[in-house]
C-alpha atoms as a PDB file:
ATOM      1  CA  MET A   1      34.073  82.927 132.906  1.00  0.00           C
ATOM      2  CA  GLY A   2      37.772  83.752 133.066  1.00  0.00           C
ATOM      3  CA  ARG A   3      40.537  81.945 131.040  1.00  0.00           C
ATOM      4  CA  VAL A   4      42.328  79.348 132.932  1.00  0.00           C
ATOM      5  CA  VAL A   5      45.993  79.774 132.824  1.00  0.00           C
ATOM      6  CA  GLY A   6      47.930  76.431 133.072  1.00  0.00           C
ATOM      7  CA  PRO A   7      51.212  75.967 135.002  1.00  0.00           C
ATOM      8  CA  GLY A   8      53.142  75.708 131.702  1.00  0.00           C
ATOM      9  CA  SER A   9      52.103  79.231 130.718  1.00  0.00           C
ATOM     10  CA  LEU A  10      52.886  80.572 134.027  1.00  0.00           C
ATOM     11  CA  VAL A  11      56.455  79.094 133.608  1.00  0.00           C
ATOM     12  CA  VAL A  12      56.786  80.697 130.304  1.00  0.00           C
ATOM     13  CA  ALA A  13      55.730  83.949 131.616  1.00  0.00           C
ATOM     14  CA  ALA A  14      58.109  83.735 134.454  1.00  0.00           C
ATOM     15  CA  LEU A  15      61.095  83.010 132.077  1.00  0.00           C
ATOM     16  CA  VAL A  16      60.183  85.996 129.848  1.00  0.00           C
ATOM     17  CA  LEU A  17      59.875  88.349 132.889  1.00  0.00           C
ATOM     18  CA  ALA A  18      63.227  87.100 134.181  1.00  0.00           C
ATOM     19  CA  ALA A  19      65.000  87.458 130.810  1.00  0.00           C
ATOM     20  CA  SER A  20      63.407  91.031 130.447  1.00  0.00           C
ATOM     21  CA  ALA A  21      64.819  91.837 133.910  1.00  0.00           C
ATOM     22  CA  THR A  22      68.235  90.522 133.023  1.00  0.00           C
ATOM     23  CA  ALA A  23      68.472  92.458 129.763  1.00  0.00           C
ATOM     24  CA  GLN A  24      67.978  95.740 131.760  1.00  0.00           C
ATOM     25  CA  ASP A  25      70.048  94.556 134.682  1.00  0.00           C
ATOM     26  CA  TRP A  26      72.834  97.125 133.600  1.00  0.00           C
ATOM     27  CA  ARG A  27      70.687  99.851 134.174  1.00  0.00           C
ATOM     28  CA  GLY A  28      71.534 102.232 137.142  1.00  0.00           C
ATOM     29  CA  THR A  29      72.536 105.939 137.668  1.00  0.00           C
ATOM     30  CA  GLY A  30      76.204 105.770 136.877  1.00  0.00           C
ATOM     31  CA  ARG A  31      78.032 107.383 133.894  1.00  0.00           C
ATOM     32  CA  ILE A  32      81.024 106.676 131.733  1.00  0.00           C
ATOM     33  CA  GLN A  33      82.052 108.767 128.785  1.00  0.00           C
ATOM     34  CA  GLY A  34      85.029 109.444 126.358  1.00  0.00           C
ATOM     35  CA  THR A  35      86.218 110.397 122.948  1.00  0.00           C
ATOM     36  CA  LEU A  36      87.597 108.318 120.093  1.00  0.00           C
ATOM     37  CA  THR A  37      90.195 109.706 117.772  1.00  0.00           C
ATOM     38  CA  ASP A  38      92.388 108.603 114.909  1.00  0.00           C
ATOM     39  CA  GLU A  39      95.893 107.492 116.172  1.00  0.00           C
ATOM     40  CA  ALA A  40      97.831 109.142 113.686  1.00  0.00           C
ATOM     41  CA  ASP A  41      96.099 112.764 113.319  1.00  0.00           C
ATOM     42  CA  LYS A  42      94.034 112.694 116.433  1.00  0.00           C
ATOM     43  CA  LYS A  43      90.953 113.767 114.274  1.00  0.00           C
ATOM     44  CA  PRO A  44      87.539 112.554 115.924  1.00  0.00           C
ATOM     45  CA  LEU A  45      86.197 109.448 114.721  1.00  0.00           C
ATOM     46  CA  VAL A  46      82.615 109.721 113.826  1.00  0.00           C
ATOM     47  CA  GLY A  47      80.008 107.006 113.754  1.00  0.00           C
ATOM     48  CA  ALA A  48      82.237 104.382 115.363  1.00  0.00           C
ATOM     49  CA  THR A  49      80.452 101.466 117.168  1.00  0.00           C
ATOM     50  CA  VAL A  50      81.031 101.321 120.933  1.00  0.00           C
ATOM     51  CA  LYS A  51      79.953  98.199 122.477  1.00  0.00           C
ATOM     52  CA  ALA A  52      79.629  98.212 126.308  1.00  0.00           C
ATOM     53  CA  LEU A  53      79.311  94.988 128.439  1.00  0.00           C
ATOM     54  CA  CYS A  54      79.173  94.478 132.138  1.00  0.00           C
ATOM     55  CA  ALA A  55      79.784  90.649 132.595  1.00  0.00           C
ATOM     56  CA  GLU A  56      76.713  88.806 134.012  1.00  0.00           C
ATOM     57  CA  ARG A  57      74.551  92.109 133.837  1.00  0.00           C
ATOM     58  CA  GLY A  58      74.383  92.665 130.063  1.00  0.00           C
ATOM     59  CA  GLY A  59      75.108  95.824 128.219  1.00  0.00           C
ATOM     60  CA  THR A  60      74.377  98.005 125.102  1.00  0.00           C
ATOM     61  CA  THR A  61      75.846  99.512 121.916  1.00  0.00           C
ATOM     62  CA  LEU A  62      76.526 103.288 121.285  1.00  0.00           C
ATOM     63  CA  LYS A  63      77.809 105.310 118.342  1.00  0.00           C
ATOM     64  CA  THR A  64      80.135 108.274 118.557  1.00  0.00           C
ATOM     65  CA  ASP A  65      78.992 111.634 117.569  1.00  0.00           C
ATOM     66  CA  LYS A  66      80.255 114.258 115.130  1.00  0.00           C
ATOM     67  CA  LYS A  67      82.996 115.131 117.815  1.00  0.00           C
ATOM     68  CA  GLY A  68      83.882 111.530 118.192  1.00  0.00           C
ATOM     69  CA  GLN A  69      82.319 111.528 121.752  1.00  0.00           C
ATOM     70  CA  TRP A  70      80.321 108.823 123.252  1.00  0.00           C
ATOM     71  CA  VAL A  71      78.241 108.725 126.488  1.00  0.00           C
ATOM     72  CA  LEU A  72      77.277 105.516 128.489  1.00  0.00           C
ATOM     73  CA  GLY A  73      74.759 106.910 130.795  1.00  0.00           C
ATOM     74  CA  GLY A  74      72.456 105.158 133.536  1.00  0.00           C
ATOM     75  CA  VAL A  75      74.574 102.194 134.316  1.00  0.00           C
ATOM     76  CA  VAL A  76      75.473 100.210 137.336  1.00  0.00           C
ATOM     77  CA  ALA A  77      78.883 100.195 139.191  1.00  0.00           C
ATOM     78  CA  CYS A  78      80.771  97.563 137.449  1.00  0.00           C
ATOM     79  CA  LYS A  79      83.775  96.533 135.427  1.00  0.00           C
ATOM     80  CA  TRP A  80      82.860  97.597 131.880  1.00  0.00           C
ATOM     81  CA  ASP A  81      84.389  95.925 128.863  1.00  0.00           C
ATOM     82  CA  PHE A  82      84.339  98.211 125.708  1.00  0.00           C
ATOM     83  CA  ASP A  83      84.955  97.280 121.894  1.00  0.00           C
ATOM     84  CA  PHE A  84      85.666 100.120 119.680  1.00  0.00           C
ATOM     85  CA  ALA A  85      85.232  99.555 116.051  1.00  0.00           C
ATOM     86  CA  LEU A  86      85.057 101.479 112.807  1.00  0.00           C
ATOM     87  CA  GLU A  87      85.713 100.430 109.217  1.00  0.00           C
ATOM     88  CA  GLY A  88      89.280 101.011 108.153  1.00  0.00           C
ATOM     89  CA  TYR A  89      90.598 100.594 111.678  1.00  0.00           C
ATOM     90  CA  GLU A  90      91.811  97.919 114.073  1.00  0.00           C
ATOM     91  CA  THR A  91      89.157  97.064 116.777  1.00  0.00           C
ATOM     92  CA  LYS A  92      90.440  98.064 120.314  1.00  0.00           C
ATOM     93  CA  LYS A  93      89.319  96.406 123.393  1.00  0.00           C
ATOM     94  CA  VAL A  94      89.483  98.627 126.783  1.00  0.00           C
ATOM     95  CA  SER A  95      88.140  97.939 130.207  1.00  0.00           C
ATOM     96  CA  VAL A  96      86.978 100.603 132.614  1.00  0.00           C
ATOM     97  CA  THR A  97      85.831 100.192 136.261  1.00  0.00           C
ATOM     98  CA  LEU A  98      83.069 102.312 137.695  1.00  0.00           C
ATOM     99  CA  PRO A  99      83.544 101.760 141.513  1.00  0.00           C
ATOM    100  CA  SER A 100      80.142 103.230 142.301  1.00  0.00           C
ATOM    101  CA  GLU A 101      77.040 104.761 140.550  1.00  0.00           C
ATOM    102  CA  GLU A 102      77.986 108.120 142.229  1.00  0.00           C
ATOM    103  CA  SER A 103      81.578 108.041 140.699  1.00  0.00           C
ATOM    104  CA  ARG A 104      82.373 110.531 137.900  1.00  0.00           C
ATOM    105  CA  LEU A 105      85.387 109.292 136.124  1.00  0.00           C
ATOM    106  CA  GLN A 106      87.538 111.508 133.863  1.00  0.00           C
ATOM    107  CA  PRO A 107      86.543 111.098 130.005  1.00  0.00           C
ATOM    108  CA  VAL A 108      88.161 108.006 128.533  1.00  0.00           C
ATOM    109  CA  VAL A 109      90.415 108.993 125.402  1.00  0.00           C
ATOM    110  CA  ILE A 110      90.833 106.141 123.071  1.00  0.00           C
ATOM    111  CA  SER A 111      92.560 106.158 119.670  1.00  0.00           C
ATOM    112  CA  LEU A 112      92.262 103.675 116.892  1.00  0.00           C
ATOM    113  CA  LYS A 113      95.081 102.663 114.458  1.00  0.00           C
ATOM    114  CA  ARG A 114      94.245 102.557 110.839  1.00  0.00           C
ATOM    115  CA  SER A 115      94.222  99.044 109.217  1.00  0.00           C
ATOM    116  CA  GLY A 116      94.897 100.227 105.955  1.00  0.00           C
ATOM    117  CA  PRO A 117      95.915 103.620 103.936  1.00  0.00           C
ATOM    118  CA  PRO A 118      93.846 106.521 104.734  1.00  0.00           C
ATOM    119  CA  PRO A 119      91.044 107.127 102.159  1.00  0.00           C
ATOM    120  CA  GLU A 120      92.390 110.196 100.767  1.00  0.00           C
ATOM    121  CA  LEU A 121      95.738 108.608 100.044  1.00  0.00           C
ATOM    122  CA  THR A 122      93.984 105.613  98.346  1.00  0.00           C
ATOM    123  CA  ALA A 123      92.081 108.178  96.216  1.00  0.00           C
ATOM    124  CA  ALA A 124      95.261 109.904  95.228  1.00  0.00           C
ATOM    125  CA  ALA A 125      96.825 106.688  94.347  1.00  0.00           C
ATOM    126  CA  THR A 126      93.827 105.488  92.319  1.00  0.00           C
ATOM    127  CA  LYS A 127      93.746 108.759  90.402  1.00  0.00           C
ATOM    128  CA  ALA A 128      97.524 108.543  89.543  1.00  0.00           C
ATOM    129  CA  ASP A 129      97.301 104.986  88.344  1.00  0.00           C
ATOM    130  CA  GLU A 130      94.347 105.712  86.367  1.00  0.00           C
ATOM    131  CA  ALA A 131      96.087 108.698  84.768  1.00  0.00           C
ATOM    132  CA  TYR A 132      99.246 106.543  84.188  1.00  0.00           C
ATOM    133  CA  LYS A 133      97.161 103.755  82.337  1.00  0.00           C
ATOM    134  CA  ALA A 134      95.475 106.490  80.157  1.00  0.00           C
ATOM    135  CA  GLY A 135      98.945 107.976  79.188  1.00  0.00           C
ATOM    136  CA  ARG A 136      98.278 111.172  81.064  1.00  0.00           C
ATOM    137  CA  TYR A 137     101.681 111.078  82.471  1.00  0.00           C
ATOM    138  CA  ASP A 138     101.819 114.781  83.738  1.00  0.00           C
ATOM    139  CA  GLU A 139      98.715 114.324  85.623  1.00  0.00           C
ATOM    140  CA  ALA A 140      99.844 110.950  87.066  1.00  0.00           C
ATOM    141  CA  ARG A 141     103.176 112.584  88.294  1.00  0.00           C
ATOM    142  CA  ALA A 142     101.191 115.393  89.982  1.00  0.00           C
ATOM    143  CA  GLU A 143      98.902 112.771  91.902  1.00  0.00           C
ATOM    144  CA  TYR A 144     102.126 110.688  92.753  1.00  0.00           C
ATOM    145  CA  GLU A 145     103.703 113.941  94.382  1.00  0.00           C
ATOM    146  CA  LYS A 146     100.718 114.574  96.419  1.00  0.00           C
ATOM    147  CA  LEU A 147     100.861 110.996  97.764  1.00  0.00           C
ATOM    148  CA  LEU A 148     104.580 111.472  98.342  1.00  0.00           C
ATOM    149  CA  ALA A 149     104.016 114.713 100.191  1.00  0.00           C
ATOM    150  CA  ALA A 150     101.386 112.944 102.626  1.00  0.00           C
ATOM    151  CA  ARG A 151     103.329 109.692 102.940  1.00  0.00           C
ATOM    152  CA  PRO A 152     107.039 110.014 102.683  1.00  0.00           C
ATOM    153  CA  ASP A 153     107.369 106.600 103.913  1.00  0.00           C
ATOM    154  CA  LEU A 154     106.215 105.197 100.657  1.00  0.00           C
ATOM    155  CA  ALA A 155     109.049 106.923  98.948  1.00  0.00           C
ATOM    156  CA  SER A 156     110.472 103.908  97.236  1.00  0.00           C
ATOM    157  CA  THR A 157     107.052 102.983  95.733  1.00  0.00           C
ATOM    158  CA  VAL A 158     105.980 106.390  94.632  1.00  0.00           C
ATOM    159  CA  TYR A 159     109.406 107.520  93.124  1.00  0.00           C
ATOM    160  CA  GLN A 160     109.522 104.212  91.282  1.00  0.00           C
ATOM    161  CA  ARG A 161     105.956 105.109  89.823  1.00  0.00           C
ATOM    162  CA  ILE A 162     107.290 108.716  88.899  1.00  0.00           C
ATOM    163  CA  GLY A 163     110.262 107.135  87.222  1.00  0.00           C
ATOM    164  CA  PHE A 164     108.051 104.858  85.162  1.00  0.00           C
ATOM    165  CA  THR A 165     105.982 107.901  83.902  1.00  0.00           C
ATOM    166  CA  TYR A 166     109.224 109.430  82.557  1.00  0.00           C
ATOM    167  CA  VAL A 167     110.374 106.159  81.072  1.00  0.00           C
ATOM    168  CA  GLN A 168     107.077 105.939  78.978  1.00  0.00           C
ATOM    169  CA  GLU A 169     107.827 109.501  77.759  1.00  0.00           C
ATOM    170  CA  LYS A 170     111.510 108.432  76.819  1.00  0.00           C
ATOM    171  CA  GLN A 171     112.656 111.228  79.212  1.00  0.00           C
ATOM    172  CA  TYR A 172     115.361 108.968  80.659  1.00  0.00           C
ATOM    173  CA  GLU A 173     117.366 111.731  82.555  1.00  0.00           C
ATOM    174  CA  PRO A 174     114.454 112.455  84.882  1.00  0.00           C
ATOM    175  CA  ALA A 175     113.489 108.851  84.874  1.00  0.00           C
ATOM    176  CA  LEU A 176     116.773 107.912  86.218  1.00  0.00           C
ATOM    177  CA  ALA A 177     116.820 110.672  88.988  1.00  0.00           C
ATOM    178  CA  ALA A 178     113.516 109.456  90.216  1.00  0.00           C
ATOM    179  CA  LEU A 179     114.512 105.759  90.237  1.00  0.00           C
ATOM    180  CA  ASP A 180     117.880 106.743  92.222  1.00  0.00           C
ATOM    181  CA  LYS A 181     115.584 108.243  94.886  1.00  0.00           C
ATOM    182  CA  ALA A 182     113.408 105.033  94.805  1.00  0.00           C
ATOM    183  CA  LEU A 183     116.616 102.871  95.107  1.00  0.00           C
ATOM    184  CA  ALA A 184     117.969 105.117  98.027  1.00  0.00           C
ATOM    185  CA  ALA A 185     114.756 104.137  99.946  1.00  0.00           C
ATOM    186  CA  ASP A 186     114.967 100.535  99.158  1.00  0.00           C
ATOM    187  CA  PRO A 187     118.618  99.643  98.341  1.00  0.00           C
ATOM    188  CA  GLN A 188     118.048  95.772  98.431  1.00  0.00           C
ATOM    189  CA  ASN A 189     115.192  95.817  95.771  1.00  0.00           C
ATOM    190  CA  ALA A 190     116.689  93.844  93.006  1.00  0.00           C
ATOM    191  CA  GLN A 191     114.136  94.577  90.285  1.00  0.00           C
ATOM    192  CA  LEU A 192     114.185  98.266  91.031  1.00  0.00           C
ATOM    193  CA  ARG A 193     117.995  98.182  90.595  1.00  0.00           C
ATOM    194  CA  ALA A 194     117.555  96.383  87.342  1.00  0.00           C
ATOM    195  CA  ILE A 195     115.075  99.010  86.301  1.00  0.00           C
ATOM    196  CA  ALA A 196     117.098 101.881  87.267  1.00  0.00           C
ATOM    197  CA  ALA A 197     120.091 100.081  85.283  1.00  0.00           C
ATOM    198  CA  GLN A 198     117.831 100.015  82.026  1.00  0.00           C
ATOM    199  CA  ALA A 199     117.087 103.652  82.520  1.00  0.00           C
ATOM    200  CA  ALA A 200     120.696 104.392  82.721  1.00  0.00           C
ATOM    201  CA  LEU A 201     121.432 102.603  79.584  1.00  0.00           C
ATOM    202  CA  GLU A 202     118.642 104.257  77.792  1.00  0.00           C
ATOM    203  CA  ALA A 203     120.177 107.450  78.859  1.00  0.00           C
ATOM    204  CA  LYS A 204     123.391 106.433  77.497  1.00  0.00           C
ATOM    205  CA  LYS A 205     125.045 106.403  80.899  1.00  0.00           C
ATOM    206  CA  LEU A 206     126.985 103.242  80.661  1.00  0.00           C
ATOM    207  CA  ASP A 207     129.227 103.601  83.653  1.00  0.00           C
ATOM    208  CA  LYS A 208     125.965 104.551  85.639  1.00  0.00           C
ATOM    209  CA  ALA A 209     124.417 101.231  84.418  1.00  0.00           C
ATOM    210  CA  ARG A 210     127.429  99.019  85.196  1.00  0.00           C
ATOM    211  CA  GLU A 211     127.654 100.778  88.702  1.00  0.00           C
ATOM    212  CA  LEU A 212     123.927  99.785  89.434  1.00  0.00           C
ATOM    213  CA  LEU A 213     124.377  96.402  87.845  1.00  0.00           C
ATOM    214  CA  SER A 214     127.354  95.661  90.085  1.00  0.00           C
ATOM    215  CA  GLY A 215     125.277  95.701  92.896  1.00  0.00           C
ATOM    216  CA  LEU A 216     122.525  93.733  91.605  1.00  0.00           C
ATOM    217  CA  ASP A 217     121.681  90.398  93.285  1.00  0.00           C
ATOM    218  CA  GLU A 218     120.819  88.350  90.151  1.00  0.00           C
ATOM    219  CA  SER A 219     119.593  85.423  92.157  1.00  0.00           C
ATOM    220  CA  LYS A 220     116.566  87.638  92.956  1.00  0.00           C
ATOM    221  CA  ILE A 221     115.731  88.307  89.276  1.00  0.00           C
ATOM    222  CA  GLU A 222     112.868  85.699  88.430  1.00  0.00           C
ATOM    223  CA  SER A 223     112.087  86.871  84.695  1.00  0.00           C
ATOM    224  CA  PRO A 224     114.532  86.260  81.898  1.00  0.00           C
ATOM    225  CA  ASP A 225     113.038  89.285  80.172  1.00  0.00           C
ATOM    226  CA  THR A 226     114.966  91.602  82.536  1.00  0.00           C
ATOM    227  CA  PHE A 227     118.260  90.193  81.417  1.00  0.00           C
ATOM    228  CA  PHE A 228     117.153  90.031  77.851  1.00  0.00           C
ATOM    229  CA  ASN A 229     116.229  93.739  77.946  1.00  0.00           C
ATOM    230  CA  MET A 230     119.770  94.509  79.355  1.00  0.00           C
ATOM    231  CA  GLY A 231     121.324  92.592  76.595  1.00  0.00           C
ATOM    232  CA  ILE A 232     119.449  94.601  73.952  1.00  0.00           C
ATOM    233  CA  ASP A 233     120.284  98.077  75.591  1.00  0.00           C
ATOM    234  CA  PHE A 234     123.975  97.018  75.669  1.00  0.00           C
ATOM    235  CA  PHE A 235     123.654  95.805  72.114  1.00  0.00           C
ATOM    236  CA  ASN A 236     122.099  99.134  71.021  1.00  0.00           C
ATOM    237  CA  ALA A 237     124.964 101.051  72.734  1.00  0.00           C
ATOM    238  CA  GLY A 238     127.567  99.093  70.769  1.00  0.00           C
ATOM    239  CA  GLU A 239     128.693  97.201  73.742  1.00  0.00           C
ATOM    240  CA  ALA A 240     128.748  93.685  72.220  1.00  0.00           C
ATOM    241  CA  GLN A 241     130.682  92.002  75.050  1.00  0.00           C
ATOM    242  CA  ASP A 242     128.139  93.208  77.650  1.00  0.00           C
ATOM    243  CA  ALA A 243     125.161  92.267  75.374  1.00  0.00           C
ATOM    244  CA  ILE A 244     126.570  88.822  74.991  1.00  0.00           C
ATOM    245  CA  ALA A 245     126.927  88.413  78.697  1.00  0.00           C
ATOM    246  CA  TYR A 246     123.315  89.341  79.439  1.00  0.00           C
ATOM    247  CA  PHE A 247     121.943  87.307  76.461  1.00  0.00           C
ATOM    248  CA  GLY A 248     123.725  84.404  78.346  1.00  0.00           C
ATOM    249  CA  LYS A 249     122.058  85.211  81.540  1.00  0.00           C
ATOM    250  CA  THR A 250     118.745  85.109  79.737  1.00  0.00           C
ATOM    251  CA  ILE A 251     119.382  81.685  78.318  1.00  0.00           C
ATOM    252  CA  ALA A 252     120.586  80.471  81.789  1.00  0.00           C
ATOM    253  CA  LYS A 253     117.054  81.483  83.210  1.00  0.00           C
ATOM    254  CA  ASP A 254     115.281  80.019  80.162  1.00  0.00           C
ATOM    255  CA  PRO A 255     117.114  77.739  77.866  1.00  0.00           C
ATOM    256  CA  ALA A 256     114.231  78.015  75.386  1.00  0.00           C
ATOM    257  CA  TYR A 257     114.501  81.891  74.958  1.00  0.00           C
ATOM    258  CA  VAL A 258     114.851  81.837  71.172  1.00  0.00           C
ATOM    259  CA  ASP A 259     115.409  85.817  70.866  1.00  0.00           C
ATOM    260  CA  ALA A 260     118.318  85.580  73.246  1.00  0.00           C
ATOM    261  CA  TYR A 261     120.281  83.009  71.093  1.00  0.00           C
ATOM    262  CA  TYR A 262     119.384  85.015  67.946  1.00  0.00           C
ATOM    263  CA  ARG A 263     120.606  88.185  69.326  1.00  0.00           C
ATOM    264  CA  ARG A 264     123.665  86.594  70.975  1.00  0.00           C
ATOM    265  CA  GLY A 265     124.498  85.097  67.441  1.00  0.00           C
ATOM    266  CA  LEU A 266     124.217  88.646  66.014  1.00  0.00           C
ATOM    267  CA  ALA A 267     126.587  90.037  68.797  1.00  0.00           C
ATOM    268  CA  TYR A 268     128.995  87.298  68.227  1.00  0.00           C
ATOM    269  CA  LEU A 269     129.187  87.859  64.492  1.00  0.00           C
ATOM    270  CA  GLY A 270     129.990  91.530  65.332  1.00  0.00           C
ATOM    271  CA  GLN A 271     132.904  90.333  67.220  1.00  0.00           C
ATOM    272  CA  GLY A 272     134.086  88.104  64.546  1.00  0.00           C
ATOM    273  CA  LYS A 273     133.292  84.931  66.708  1.00  0.00           C
ATOM    274  CA  THR A 274     131.946  82.845  63.688  1.00  0.00           C
ATOM    275  CA  ALA A 275     131.914  79.473  65.675  1.00  0.00           C
ATOM    276  CA  GLU A 276     130.013  80.789  68.637  1.00  0.00           C
ATOM    277  CA  ALA A 277     127.587  82.607  66.060  1.00  0.00           C
ATOM    278  CA  LYS A 278     126.941  79.444  64.085  1.00  0.00           C
ATOM    279  CA  ALA A 279     126.155  77.477  67.441  1.00  0.00           C
ATOM    280  CA  ASP A 280     123.498  80.120  68.468  1.00  0.00           C
ATOM    281  CA  PHE A 281     121.784  80.269  64.985  1.00  0.00           C
ATOM    282  CA  GLN A 282     121.886  76.534  65.089  1.00  0.00           C
ATOM    283  CA  LYS A 283     119.870  76.482  68.323  1.00  0.00           C
ATOM    284  CA  VAL A 284     117.358  78.981  66.923  1.00  0.00           C
ATOM    285  CA  VAL A 285     116.796  76.609  63.917  1.00  0.00           C
ATOM    286  CA  GLU A 286     116.251  73.728  66.288  1.00  0.00           C
ATOM    287  CA  LEU A 287     113.817  75.567  68.513  1.00  0.00           C
ATOM    288  CA  GLN A 288     111.705  77.490  65.833  1.00  0.00           C
ATOM    289  CA  PRO A 289     112.699  76.155  62.433  1.00  0.00           C
ATOM    290  CA  THR A 290     109.624  77.756  60.713  1.00  0.00           C
ATOM    291  CA  SER A 291     109.766  81.062  62.429  1.00  0.00           C
ATOM    292  CA  GLU A 292     111.148  84.268  60.821  1.00  0.00           C
ATOM    293  CA  MET A 293     114.098  84.029  63.076  1.00  0.00           C
ATOM    294  CA  GLY A 294     114.420  80.458  62.261  1.00  0.00           C
ATOM    295  CA  SER A 295     114.512  81.308  58.471  1.00  0.00           C
ATOM    296  CA  MET A 296     116.975  84.153  59.051  1.00  0.00           C
ATOM    297  CA  SER A 297     119.088  81.831  61.049  1.00  0.00           C
ATOM    298  CA  LYS A 298     119.140  79.131  58.234  1.00  0.00           C
ATOM    299  CA  LYS A 299     120.315  82.006  55.756  1.00  0.00           C
ATOM    300  CA  ALA A 300     122.971  83.093  58.135  1.00  0.00           C
ATOM    301  CA  LEU A 301     124.312  79.427  58.629  1.00  0.00           C
ATOM    302  CA  GLU A 302     124.376  78.937  54.810  1.00  0.00           C
ATOM    303  CA  GLN A 303     126.457  82.301  54.360  1.00  0.00           C
ATOM    304  CA  LEU A 304     128.749  81.147  57.180  1.00  0.00           C
ATOM    305  CA  HIS A 305     129.579  77.820  55.788  1.00  0.00           C
END
């Protein structure tokens, strides 16, 4: 005896058949094809995802081949919406109308814009940074130079890194040359200007340092350490007045910056300004009475009475 099929089963079967038919409803005899490339260098993009959809009729997903080409074959006449996607690139949406299944359209050429730096540049930057951290400064500079050749638009950042490698080696002349180039590419960068000024001070180029500092927007300097280091450099260069000024800027940023009070006290002493020196040493004692600087300040105050 045959199996009796209930009305419910017939309904389910009908729905399955309908869904199956709908899923393949985009099938026909038409054809759309194209090529996907990198927007910058026009190289073919391999393995990109191409999603094709005909509204109300369904669609399919393709991949680009080794030449960046894709083919949507066996499709109905329709307005086809495409999504082109590849990791590292911005997704692009494009619509193409196939007026009839007999139509043969010109290949569609699409380019994608990178959403981040090219992989080869990322690799060069990583190698350079690793070499820098390991103290292999010649190697770091070589990698930074490769990066600069490929991406001149990154000149400010790359020249800054090159300058830092020379600073680490205490080669202040080439450091200053590199930092000058970085600053030329980004003249409003206050922190970079301050670093270049420090390199000028280390190179004993006081006029150059003062020129750089004259254009410094000090409101953009957040760390008091930047001003303190300036003060130290001027102090070591025998420029007590400038040193006092920058130790004062340090204290303005951080009223509890003990080192700045102590160093300014020494600079005042060198200028014979005893009252000012005593005030700074007293402040050190107030802030850090048991520290080494606190002890030295106490001794200085005893001698100055």
